PDB file of N, CA and C in Angstrom:
ATOM      1  N   UNK A   1     104.036 102.796 108.676  1.00  0.00           N
ATOM      2  CA  UNK A   1     104.557 103.835 109.519  1.00  0.00           C
ATOM      3  C   UNK A   1     105.641 103.252 110.411  1.00  0.00           C
ATOM      4  N   UNK A   2     106.800 103.886 110.432  1.00  0.00           N
ATOM      5  CA  UNK A   2     107.922 103.426 111.241  1.00  0.00           C
ATOM      6  C   UNK A   2     107.672 103.789 112.703  1.00  0.00           C
ATOM      7  N   UNK A   3     107.941 102.846 113.598  1.00  0.00           N
ATOM      8  CA  UNK A   3     107.800 103.143 115.021  1.00  0.00           C
ATOM      9  C   UNK A   3     108.855 102.398 115.821  1.00  0.00           C
ATOM     10  N   UNK A   4     109.129 102.918 117.010  1.00  0.00           N
ATOM     11  CA  UNK A   4     110.050 102.320 117.960  1.00  0.00           C
ATOM     12  C   UNK A   4     109.390 102.366 119.330  1.00  0.00           C
ATOM     13  N   UNK A   5     109.951 101.606 120.258  1.00  0.00           N
ATOM     14  CA  UNK A   5     109.423 101.579 121.614  1.00  0.00           C
ATOM     15  C   UNK A   5     110.586 101.504 122.592  1.00  0.00           C
ATOM     16  N   UNK A   6     110.479 102.257 123.682  1.00  0.00           N
ATOM     17  CA  UNK A   6     111.443 102.143 124.773  1.00  0.00           C
ATOM     18  C   UNK A   6     110.614 102.068 126.054  1.00  0.00           C
ATOM     19  N   UNK A   7     110.494 100.866 126.614  1.00  0.00           N
ATOM     20  CA  UNK A   7     109.653 100.685 127.782  1.00  0.00           C
ATOM     21  C   UNK A   7     108.205 101.014 127.458  1.00  0.00           C
ATOM     22  N   UNK A   8     107.636 101.981 128.165  1.00  0.00           N
ATOM     23  CA  UNK A   8     106.245 102.369 127.938  1.00  0.00           C
ATOM     24  C   UNK A   8     106.095 103.500 126.921  1.00  0.00           C
ATOM     25  N   UNK A   9     107.199 103.974 126.352  1.00  0.00           N
ATOM     26  CA  UNK A   9     107.152 105.071 125.386  1.00  0.00           C
ATOM     27  C   UNK A   9     107.037 104.521 123.969  1.00  0.00           C
ATOM     28  N   UNK A  10     106.031 104.997 123.237  1.00  0.00           N
ATOM     29  CA  UNK A  10     105.830 104.620 121.841  1.00  0.00           C
ATOM     30  C   UNK A  10     106.238 105.805 120.980  1.00  0.00           C
ATOM     31  N   UNK A  11     107.112 105.562 120.009  1.00  0.00           N
ATOM     32  CA  UNK A  11     107.637 106.602 119.131  1.00  0.00           C
ATOM     33  C   UNK A  11     107.211 106.278 117.711  1.00  0.00           C
ATOM     34  N   UNK A  12     106.304 107.103 117.162  1.00  0.00           N
ATOM     35  CA  UNK A  12     105.802 106.867 115.807  1.00  0.00           C
ATOM     36  C   UNK A  12     106.228 108.013 114.895  1.00  0.00           C
ATOM     37  N   UNK A  13     106.920 107.672 113.826  1.00  0.00           N
ATOM     38  CA  UNK A  13     107.334 108.688 112.862  1.00  0.00           C
ATOM     39  C   UNK A  13     106.123 109.154 112.066  1.00  0.00           C
ATOM     40  N   UNK A  14     105.986 110.469 111.931  1.00  0.00           N
ATOM     41  CA  UNK A  14     104.906 111.075 111.151  1.00  0.00           C
ATOM     42  C   UNK A  14     105.515 111.971 110.086  1.00  0.00           C
ATOM     43  N   UNK A  15     104.690 112.383 109.107  1.00  0.00           N
ATOM     44  CA  UNK A  15     105.212 113.165 107.991  1.00  0.00           C
ATOM     45  C   UNK A  15     105.448 114.625 108.332  1.00  0.00           C
ATOM     46  N   UNK A  16     104.543 115.238 109.107  1.00  0.00           N
ATOM     47  CA  UNK A  16     104.664 116.664 109.407  1.00  0.00           C
ATOM     48  C   UNK A  16     104.236 116.961 110.847  1.00  0.00           C
ATOM     49  N   UNK A  17     104.690 118.096 111.328  1.00  0.00           N
ATOM     50  CA  UNK A  17     104.204 118.585 112.619  1.00  0.00           C
ATOM     51  C   UNK A  17     102.785 119.106 112.428  1.00  0.00           C
ATOM     52  N   UNK A  18     101.914 118.897 113.397  1.00  0.00           N
ATOM     53  CA  UNK A  18     100.560 119.443 113.269  1.00  0.00           C
ATOM     54  C   UNK A  18     100.588 120.967 113.403  1.00  0.00           C
ATOM     55  N   UNK A  19      99.613 121.632 112.810  1.00  0.00           N
ATOM     56  CA  UNK A  19      99.555 123.084 112.923  1.00  0.00           C
ATOM     57  C   UNK A  19      99.345 123.465 114.381  1.00  0.00           C
ATOM     58  N   UNK A  20      99.945 124.551 114.788  1.00  0.00           N
ATOM     59  CA  UNK A  20      99.836 125.016 116.154  1.00  0.00           C
ATOM     60  C   UNK A  20     100.869 124.442 117.103  1.00  0.00           C
ATOM     61  N   UNK A  21     101.750 123.567 116.616  1.00  0.00           N
ATOM     62  CA  UNK A  21     102.782 122.990 117.486  1.00  0.00           C
ATOM     63  C   UNK A  21     103.757 124.083 117.904  1.00  0.00           C
ATOM     64  N   UNK A  22     104.032 124.135 119.194  1.00  0.00           N
ATOM     65  CA  UNK A  22     104.946 125.151 119.737  1.00  0.00           C
ATOM     66  C   UNK A  22     106.161 124.476 120.358  1.00  0.00           C
ATOM     67  N   UNK A  23     107.332 125.056 120.070  1.00  0.00           N
ATOM     68  CA  UNK A  23     108.578 124.517 120.636  1.00  0.00           C
ATOM     69  C   UNK A  23     108.536 124.639 122.156  1.00  0.00           C
ATOM     70  N   UNK A  24     108.968 123.582 122.826  1.00  0.00           N
ATOM     71  CA  UNK A  24     108.988 123.566 124.278  1.00  0.00           C
ATOM     72  C   UNK A  24     110.299 124.152 124.793  1.00  0.00           C
ATOM     73  N   UNK A  25     110.298 124.554 126.049  1.00  0.00           N
ATOM     74  CA  UNK A  25     111.489 125.100 126.697  1.00  0.00           C
ATOM     75  C   UNK A  25     112.415 123.959 127.081  1.00  0.00           C
ATOM     76  N   UNK A  26     113.687 124.157 126.862  1.00  0.00           N
ATOM     77  CA  UNK A  26     114.669 123.126 127.205  1.00  0.00           C
ATOM     78  C   UNK A  26     114.722 122.924 128.708  1.00  0.00           C
ATOM     79  N   UNK A  27     114.929 121.685 129.113  1.00  0.00           N
ATOM     80  CA  UNK A  27     115.074 121.347 130.523  1.00  0.00           C
ATOM     81  C   UNK A  27     116.561 121.124 130.767  1.00  0.00           C
ATOM     82  N   UNK A  28     117.287 122.192 131.000  1.00  0.00           N
ATOM     83  CA  UNK A  28     118.732 122.097 131.153  1.00  0.00           C
ATOM     84  C   UNK A  28     119.376 121.736 129.836  1.00  0.00           C
ATOM     85  N   UNK A  29     120.082 120.618 129.822  1.00  0.00           N
ATOM     86  CA  UNK A  29     120.788 120.196 128.608  1.00  0.00           C
ATOM     87  C   UNK A  29     120.136 118.978 127.949  1.00  0.00           C
ATOM     88  N   UNK A  30     118.833 118.793 128.182  1.00  0.00           N
ATOM     89  CA  UNK A  30     118.156 117.634 127.605  1.00  0.00           C
ATOM     90  C   UNK A  30     116.681 117.915 127.382  1.00  0.00           C
ATOM     91  N   UNK A  31     116.088 117.095 126.523  1.00  0.00           N
ATOM     92  CA  UNK A  31     114.629 117.089 126.354  1.00  0.00           C
ATOM     93  C   UNK A  31     114.097 115.922 127.147  1.00  0.00           C
ATOM     94  N   UNK A  32     113.187 116.174 128.078  1.00  0.00           N
ATOM     95  CA  UNK A  32     112.549 115.075 128.800  1.00  0.00           C
ATOM     96  C   UNK A  32     111.339 114.648 127.984  1.00  0.00           C
ATOM     97  N   UNK A  33     111.420 113.450 127.415  1.00  0.00           N
ATOM     98  CA  UNK A  33     110.361 112.920 126.565  1.00  0.00           C
ATOM     99  C   UNK A  33     109.189 112.446 127.404  1.00  0.00           C
ATOM    100  N   UNK A  34     109.503 111.701 128.500  1.00  0.00           N
ATOM    101  CA  UNK A  34     108.456 111.191 129.368  1.00  0.00           C
ATOM    102  C   UNK A  34     109.062 110.787 130.707  1.00  0.00           C
ATOM    103  N   UNK A  35     108.285 110.934 131.758  1.00  0.00           N
ATOM    104  CA  UNK A  35     108.677 110.452 133.080  1.00  0.00           C
ATOM    105  C   UNK A  35     108.184 109.030 133.245  1.00  0.00           C
ATOM    106  N   UNK A  36     109.059 108.133 133.732  1.00  0.00           N
ATOM    107  CA  UNK A  36     108.675 106.755 133.983  1.00  0.00           C
ATOM    108  C   UNK A  36     108.047 106.604 135.357  1.00  0.00           C
ATOM    109  N   UNK A  37     107.494 105.433 135.624  1.00  0.00           N
ATOM    110  CA  UNK A  37     106.812 105.153 136.888  1.00  0.00           C
ATOM    111  C   UNK A  37     107.745 105.242 138.095  1.00  0.00           C
ATOM    112  N   UNK A  38     108.977 104.813 137.965  1.00  0.00           N
ATOM    113  CA  UNK A  38     109.894 104.768 139.101  1.00  0.00           C
ATOM    114  C   UNK A  38     110.715 106.030 139.276  1.00  0.00           C
ATOM    115  N   UNK A  39     110.310 107.115 138.655  1.00  0.00           N
ATOM    116  CA  UNK A  39     111.054 108.363 138.767  1.00  0.00           C
ATOM    117  C   UNK A  39     112.137 108.529 137.718  1.00  0.00           C
ATOM    118  N   UNK A  40     112.348 107.507 136.893  1.00  0.00           N
ATOM    119  CA  UNK A  40     113.321 107.618 135.814  1.00  0.00           C
ATOM    120  C   UNK A  40     112.725 108.418 134.663  1.00  0.00           C
ATOM    121  N   UNK A  41     113.596 108.944 133.811  1.00  0.00           N
ATOM    122  CA  UNK A  41     113.119 109.722 132.667  1.00  0.00           C
ATOM    123  C   UNK A  41     113.621 109.130 131.356  1.00  0.00           C
ATOM    124  N   UNK A  42     112.814 109.280 130.334  1.00  0.00           N
ATOM    125  CA  UNK A  42     113.225 109.001 128.960  1.00  0.00           C
ATOM    126  C   UNK A  42     113.675 110.359 128.426  1.00  0.00           C
ATOM    127  N   UNK A  43     114.928 110.474 127.995  1.00  0.00           N
ATOM    128  CA  UNK A  43     115.460 111.793 127.625  1.00  0.00           C
ATOM    129  C   UNK A  43     116.361 111.737 126.400  1.00  0.00           C
ATOM    130  N   UNK A  44     116.364 112.863 125.679  1.00  0.00           N
ATOM    131  CA  UNK A  44     117.286 113.086 124.566  1.00  0.00           C
ATOM    132  C   UNK A  44     118.220 114.190 125.027  1.00  0.00           C
ATOM    133  N   UNK A  45     119.497 113.878 125.092  1.00  0.00           N
ATOM    134  CA  UNK A  45     120.467 114.855 125.596  1.00  0.00           C
ATOM    135  C   UNK A  45     121.099 115.695 124.491  1.00  0.00           C
ATOM    136  N   UNK A  46     120.912 115.308 123.259  1.00  0.00           N
ATOM    137  CA  UNK A  46     121.485 116.047 122.121  1.00  0.00           C
ATOM    138  C   UNK A  46     120.477 117.080 121.638  1.00  0.00           C
ATOM    139  N   UNK A  47     120.349 118.178 122.389  1.00  0.00           N
ATOM    140  CA  UNK A  47     119.324 119.168 122.066  1.00  0.00           C
ATOM    141  C   UNK A  47     119.714 120.061 120.892  1.00  0.00           C
ATOM    142  N   UNK A  48     120.984 120.019 120.478  1.00  0.00           N
ATOM    143  CA  UNK A  48     121.401 120.826 119.326  1.00  0.00           C
ATOM    144  C   UNK A  48     120.850 120.267 118.019  1.00  0.00           C
ATOM    145  N   UNK A  49     120.554 118.960 117.993  1.00  0.00           N
ATOM    146  CA  UNK A  49     120.099 118.325 116.757  1.00  0.00           C
ATOM    147  C   UNK A  49     118.637 117.885 116.811  1.00  0.00           C
ATOM    148  N   UNK A  50     117.884 118.438 117.785  1.00  0.00           N
ATOM    149  CA  UNK A  50     116.479 118.056 117.911  1.00  0.00           C
ATOM    150  C   UNK A  50     115.708 119.189 118.599  1.00  0.00           C
ATOM    151  N   UNK A  51     114.386 119.196 118.373  1.00  0.00           N
ATOM    152  CA  UNK A  51     113.496 120.172 119.002  1.00  0.00           C
ATOM    153  C   UNK A  51     112.246 119.439 119.449  1.00  0.00           C
ATOM    154  N   UNK A  52     111.807 119.712 120.676  1.00  0.00           N
ATOM    155  CA  UNK A  52     110.605 119.110 121.218  1.00  0.00           C
ATOM    156  C   UNK A  52     109.457 120.106 121.093  1.00  0.00           C
ATOM    157  N   UNK A  53     108.338 119.635 120.548  1.00  0.00           N
ATOM    158  CA  UNK A  53     107.151 120.464 120.343  1.00  0.00           C
ATOM    159  C   UNK A  53     105.985 119.883 121.122  1.00  0.00           C
ATOM    160  N   UNK A  54     104.975 120.723 121.361  1.00  0.00           N
ATOM    161  CA  UNK A  54     103.742 120.259 121.998  1.00  0.00           C
ATOM    162  C   UNK A  54     102.560 120.988 121.371  1.00  0.00           C
ATOM    163  N   UNK A  55     101.480 120.243 121.198  1.00  0.00           N
ATOM    164  CA  UNK A  55     100.226 120.830 120.747  1.00  0.00           C
ATOM    165  C   UNK A  55      99.096 120.032 121.398  1.00  0.00           C
ATOM    166  N   UNK A  56      98.224 120.711 122.099  1.00  0.00           N
ATOM    167  CA  UNK A  56      97.090 120.088 122.781  1.00  0.00           C
ATOM    168  C   UNK A  56      97.513 118.914 123.672  1.00  0.00           C
ATOM    169  N   UNK A  57      98.623 119.062 124.382  1.00  0.00           N
ATOM    170  CA  UNK A  57      99.090 118.016 125.288  1.00  0.00           C
ATOM    171  C   UNK A  57      99.858 116.885 124.634  1.00  0.00           C
ATOM    172  N   UNK A  58      99.962 116.895 123.314  1.00  0.00           N
ATOM    173  CA  UNK A  58     100.683 115.852 122.576  1.00  0.00           C
ATOM    174  C   UNK A  58     102.085 116.353 122.251  1.00  0.00           C
ATOM    175  N   UNK A  59     103.134 115.529 122.537  1.00  0.00           N
ATOM    176  CA  UNK A  59     104.507 115.910 122.246  1.00  0.00           C
ATOM    177  C   UNK A  59     104.972 115.320 120.922  1.00  0.00           C
ATOM    178  N   UNK A  60     105.824 116.098 120.244  1.00  0.00           N
ATOM    179  CA  UNK A  60     106.469 115.696 118.998  1.00  0.00           C
ATOM    180  C   UNK A  60     107.940 116.053 119.093  1.00  0.00           C
ATOM    181  N   UNK A  61     108.800 115.169 118.617  1.00  0.00           N
ATOM    182  CA  UNK A  61     110.237 115.421 118.600  1.00  0.00           C
ATOM    183  C   UNK A  61     110.687 115.486 117.146  1.00  0.00           C
ATOM    184  N   UNK A  62     111.255 116.640 116.771  1.00  0.00           N
ATOM    185  CA  UNK A  62     111.798 116.777 115.420  1.00  0.00           C
ATOM    186  C   UNK A  62     113.305 116.601 115.513  1.00  0.00           C
ATOM    187  N   UNK A  63     113.819 115.645 114.737  1.00  0.00           N
ATOM    188  CA  UNK A  63     115.232 115.283 114.803  1.00  0.00           C
ATOM    189  C   UNK A  63     115.889 115.648 113.476  1.00  0.00           C
ATOM    190  N   UNK A  64     117.017 116.375 113.575  1.00  0.00           N
ATOM    191  CA  UNK A  64     117.731 116.817 112.379  1.00  0.00           C
ATOM    192  C   UNK A  64     118.918 115.916 112.039  1.00  0.00           C
ATOM    193  N   UNK A  65     119.532 115.334 113.056  1.00  0.00           N
ATOM    194  CA  UNK A  65     120.623 114.366 112.902  1.00  0.00           C
ATOM    195  C   UNK A  65     120.384 113.279 113.951  1.00  0.00           C
ATOM    196  N   UNK A  66     120.896 112.068 113.749  1.00  0.00           N
ATOM    197  CA  UNK A  66     120.637 110.998 114.730  1.00  0.00           C
ATOM    198  C   UNK A  66     120.948 111.433 116.165  1.00  0.00           C
ATOM    199  N   UNK A  67     120.060 111.056 117.082  1.00  0.00           N
ATOM    200  CA  UNK A  67     120.224 111.370 118.507  1.00  0.00           C
ATOM    201  C   UNK A  67     119.981 110.100 119.322  1.00  0.00           C
ATOM    202  N   UNK A  68     120.391 110.118 120.581  1.00  0.00           N
ATOM    203  CA  UNK A  68     120.217 108.971 121.464  1.00  0.00           C
ATOM    204  C   UNK A  68     119.083 109.229 122.444  1.00  0.00           C
ATOM    205  N   UNK A  69     118.202 108.253 122.605  1.00  0.00           N
ATOM    206  CA  UNK A  69     117.151 108.282 123.622  1.00  0.00           C
ATOM    207  C   UNK A  69     117.631 107.409 124.774  1.00  0.00           C
ATOM    208  N   UNK A  70     117.754 107.994 125.955  1.00  0.00           N
ATOM    209  CA  UNK A  70     118.283 107.242 127.089  1.00  0.00           C
ATOM    210  C   UNK A  70     117.245 107.076 128.198  1.00  0.00           C
ATOM    211  N   UNK A  71     117.493 106.093 129.025  1.00  0.00           N
ATOM    212  CA  UNK A  71     116.663 105.788 130.193  1.00  0.00           C
ATOM    213  C   UNK A  71     117.532 104.948 131.110  1.00  0.00           C
ATOM    214  N   UNK A  72     117.379 105.141 132.425  1.00  0.00           N
ATOM    215  CA  UNK A  72     118.256 104.457 133.377  1.00  0.00           C
ATOM    216  C   UNK A  72     118.136 102.938 133.354  1.00  0.00           C
ATOM    217  N   UNK A  73     116.967 102.406 133.007  1.00  0.00           N
ATOM    218  CA  UNK A  73     116.794 100.947 133.071  1.00  0.00           C
ATOM    219  C   UNK A  73     116.528 100.293 131.719  1.00  0.00           C
ATOM    220  N   UNK A  74     116.586 101.066 130.634  1.00  0.00           N
ATOM    221  CA  UNK A  74     116.372 100.499 129.298  1.00  0.00           C
ATOM    222  C   UNK A  74     117.606 100.742 128.444  1.00  0.00           C
ATOM    223  N   UNK A  75     117.716  99.946 127.421  1.00  0.00           N
ATOM    224  CA  UNK A  75     118.816 100.090 126.466  1.00  0.00           C
ATOM    225  C   UNK A  75     118.687 101.429 125.728  1.00  0.00           C
ATOM    226  N   UNK A  76     119.815 102.121 125.548  1.00  0.00           N
ATOM    227  CA  UNK A  76     119.845 103.354 124.779  1.00  0.00           C
ATOM    228  C   UNK A  76     119.419 103.047 123.347  1.00  0.00           C
ATOM    229  N   UNK A  77     118.675 103.950 122.731  1.00  0.00           N
ATOM    230  CA  UNK A  77     118.251 103.770 121.343  1.00  0.00           C
ATOM    231  C   UNK A  77     118.653 104.977 120.518  1.00  0.00           C
ATOM    232  N   UNK A  78     119.004 104.737 119.272  1.00  0.00           N
ATOM    233  CA  UNK A  78     119.305 105.815 118.344  1.00  0.00           C
ATOM    234  C   UNK A  78     118.023 106.150 117.584  1.00  0.00           C
ATOM    235  N   UNK A  79     117.677 107.425 117.568  1.00  0.00           N
ATOM    236  CA  UNK A  79     116.518 107.904 116.811  1.00  0.00           C
ATOM    237  C   UNK A  79     117.027 108.601 115.560  1.00  0.00           C
ATOM    238  N   UNK A  80     116.492 108.197 114.428  1.00  0.00           N
ATOM    239  CA  UNK A  80     116.904 108.738 113.139  1.00  0.00           C
ATOM    240  C   UNK A  80     116.169 110.055 112.859  1.00  0.00           C
ATOM    241  N   UNK A  81     116.709 110.871 111.941  1.00  0.00           N
ATOM    242  CA  UNK A  81     116.053 112.136 111.610  1.00  0.00           C
ATOM    243  C   UNK A  81     114.610 111.944 111.144  1.00  0.00           C
ATOM    244  N   UNK A  82     113.783 112.904 111.507  1.00  0.00           N
ATOM    245  CA  UNK A  82     112.374 112.879 111.153  1.00  0.00           C
ATOM    246  C   UNK A  82     111.550 113.523 112.250  1.00  0.00           C
ATOM    247  N   UNK A  83     110.244 113.361 112.174  1.00  0.00           N
ATOM    248  CA  UNK A  83     109.330 113.886 113.181  1.00  0.00           C
ATOM    249  C   UNK A  83     108.658 112.707 113.864  1.00  0.00           C
ATOM    250  N   UNK A  84     108.732 112.688 115.188  1.00  0.00           N
ATOM    251  CA  UNK A  84     108.217 111.572 115.967  1.00  0.00           C
ATOM    252  C   UNK A  84     107.094 112.050 116.876  1.00  0.00           C
ATOM    253  N   UNK A  85     105.951 111.360 116.796  1.00  0.00           N
ATOM    254  CA  UNK A  85     104.868 111.583 117.745  1.00  0.00           C
ATOM    255  C   UNK A  85     105.129 110.687 118.940  1.00  0.00           C
ATOM    256  N   UNK A  86     105.085 111.252 120.146  1.00  0.00           N
ATOM    257  CA  UNK A  86     105.410 110.517 121.350  1.00  0.00           C
ATOM    258  C   UNK A  86     104.131 110.077 122.045  1.00  0.00           C
ATOM    259  N   UNK A  87     104.012 108.786 122.298  1.00  0.00           N
ATOM    260  CA  UNK A  87     102.813 108.255 122.934  1.00  0.00           C
ATOM    261  C   UNK A  87     103.158 107.234 123.991  1.00  0.00           C
ATOM    262  N   UNK A  88     102.123 106.638 124.552  1.00  0.00           N
ATOM    263  CA  UNK A  88     102.279 105.608 125.573  1.00  0.00           C
ATOM    264  C   UNK A  88     101.784 104.286 124.998  1.00  0.00           C
ATOM    265  N   UNK A  89     102.581 103.248 125.159  1.00  0.00           N
ATOM    266  CA  UNK A  89     102.216 101.915 124.691  1.00  0.00           C
ATOM    267  C   UNK A  89     100.959 101.471 125.447  1.00  0.00           C
ATOM    268  N   UNK A  90     100.017 100.882 124.726  1.00  0.00           N
ATOM    269  CA  UNK A  90      98.767 100.387 125.309  1.00  0.00           C
ATOM    270  C   UNK A  90      98.784  98.856 125.326  1.00  0.00           C
ATOM    271  N   UNK A  91      98.222  98.282 126.379  1.00  0.00           N
ATOM    272  CA  UNK A  91      98.035  96.835 126.408  1.00  0.00           C
ATOM    273  C   UNK A  91      96.536  96.559 126.378  1.00  0.00           C
ATOM    274  N   UNK A  92      96.161  95.462 125.738  1.00  0.00           N
ATOM    275  CA  UNK A  92      94.746  95.131 125.578  1.00  0.00           C
ATOM    276  C   UNK A  92      94.440  93.847 126.319  1.00  0.00           C
ATOM    277  N   UNK A  93      93.420  93.874 127.132  1.00  0.00           N
ATOM    278  CA  UNK A  93      92.959  92.701 127.878  1.00  0.00           C
ATOM    279  C   UNK A  93      91.784  92.100 127.101  1.00  0.00           C
ATOM    280  N   UNK A  94      92.004  90.961 126.485  1.00  0.00           N
ATOM    281  CA  UNK A  94      90.973  90.348 125.649  1.00  0.00           C
ATOM    282  C   UNK A  94      89.811  89.800 126.461  1.00  0.00           C
ATOM    283  N   UNK A  95      90.026  89.511 127.740  1.00  0.00           N
ATOM    284  CA  UNK A  95      88.932  89.011 128.571  1.00  0.00           C
ATOM    285  C   UNK A  95      87.931  90.112 128.916  1.00  0.00           C
ATOM    286  N   UNK A  96      88.450  91.300 129.207  1.00  0.00           N
ATOM    287  CA  UNK A  96      87.560  92.409 129.565  1.00  0.00           C
ATOM    288  C   UNK A  96      87.226  93.296 128.380  1.00  0.00           C
ATOM    289  N   UNK A  97      88.032  93.198 127.319  1.00  0.00           N
ATOM    290  CA  UNK A  97      87.822  94.052 126.141  1.00  0.00           C
ATOM    291  C   UNK A  97      88.291  95.474 126.368  1.00  0.00           C
ATOM    292  N   UNK A  98      89.167  95.682 127.336  1.00  0.00           N
ATOM    293  CA  UNK A  98      89.629  97.023 127.665  1.00  0.00           C
ATOM    294  C   UNK A  98      91.116  97.166 127.409  1.00  0.00           C
ATOM    295  N   UNK A  99      91.536  98.405 127.111  1.00  0.00           N
ATOM    296  CA  UNK A  99      92.953  98.689 126.970  1.00  0.00           C
ATOM    297  C   UNK A  99      93.378  99.673 128.052  1.00  0.00           C
ATOM    298  N   UNK A 100      94.668  99.654 128.373  1.00  0.00           N
ATOM    299  CA  UNK A 100      95.213 100.529 129.403  1.00  0.00           C
ATOM    300  C   UNK A 100      96.673 100.805 129.061  1.00  0.00           C
ATOM    301  N   UNK A 101      97.198 101.940 129.538  1.00  0.00           N
ATOM    302  CA  UNK A 101      98.624 102.224 129.306  1.00  0.00           C
ATOM    303  C   UNK A 101      99.510 101.183 129.977  1.00  0.00           C
ATOM    304  N   UNK A 102     100.602 100.839 129.318  1.00  0.00           N
ATOM    305  CA  UNK A 102     101.585  99.931 129.891  1.00  0.00           C
ATOM    306  C   UNK A 102     102.284 100.673 131.021  1.00  0.00           C
ATOM    307  N   UNK A 103     102.508  99.979 132.127  1.00  0.00           N
ATOM    308  CA  UNK A 103     103.225 100.563 133.260  1.00  0.00           C
ATOM    309  C   UNK A 103     104.667 100.114 133.161  1.00  0.00           C
ATOM    310  N   UNK A 104     105.578 101.096 133.157  1.00  0.00           N
ATOM    311  CA  UNK A 104     107.012 100.834 132.988  1.00  0.00           C
ATOM    312  C   UNK A 104     107.652 100.662 134.342  1.00  0.00           C
TER     313      UNK A 104
END
């Protein structure tokens, strides 16, 4: 499975949208993928070539042509066409045996 990461955001390509996925409302001229810890946002500004969906609190981004994922403190990334499940990177503490979301 192809995946990418930008800070604490994990982007995993999946084959299809899950049933019941509903298109989200645009936030101005961009899709806000995730809010970072310091008030920064991970965003896709090319909303003409992508659609953001949500089902049961889980977000999916469907991309029709390459788009850019931006963030104020991370390198811009190009996302290729496909369907991406959006998640949070987890870190694992081997001493305690516990995992927790990465803080960006």
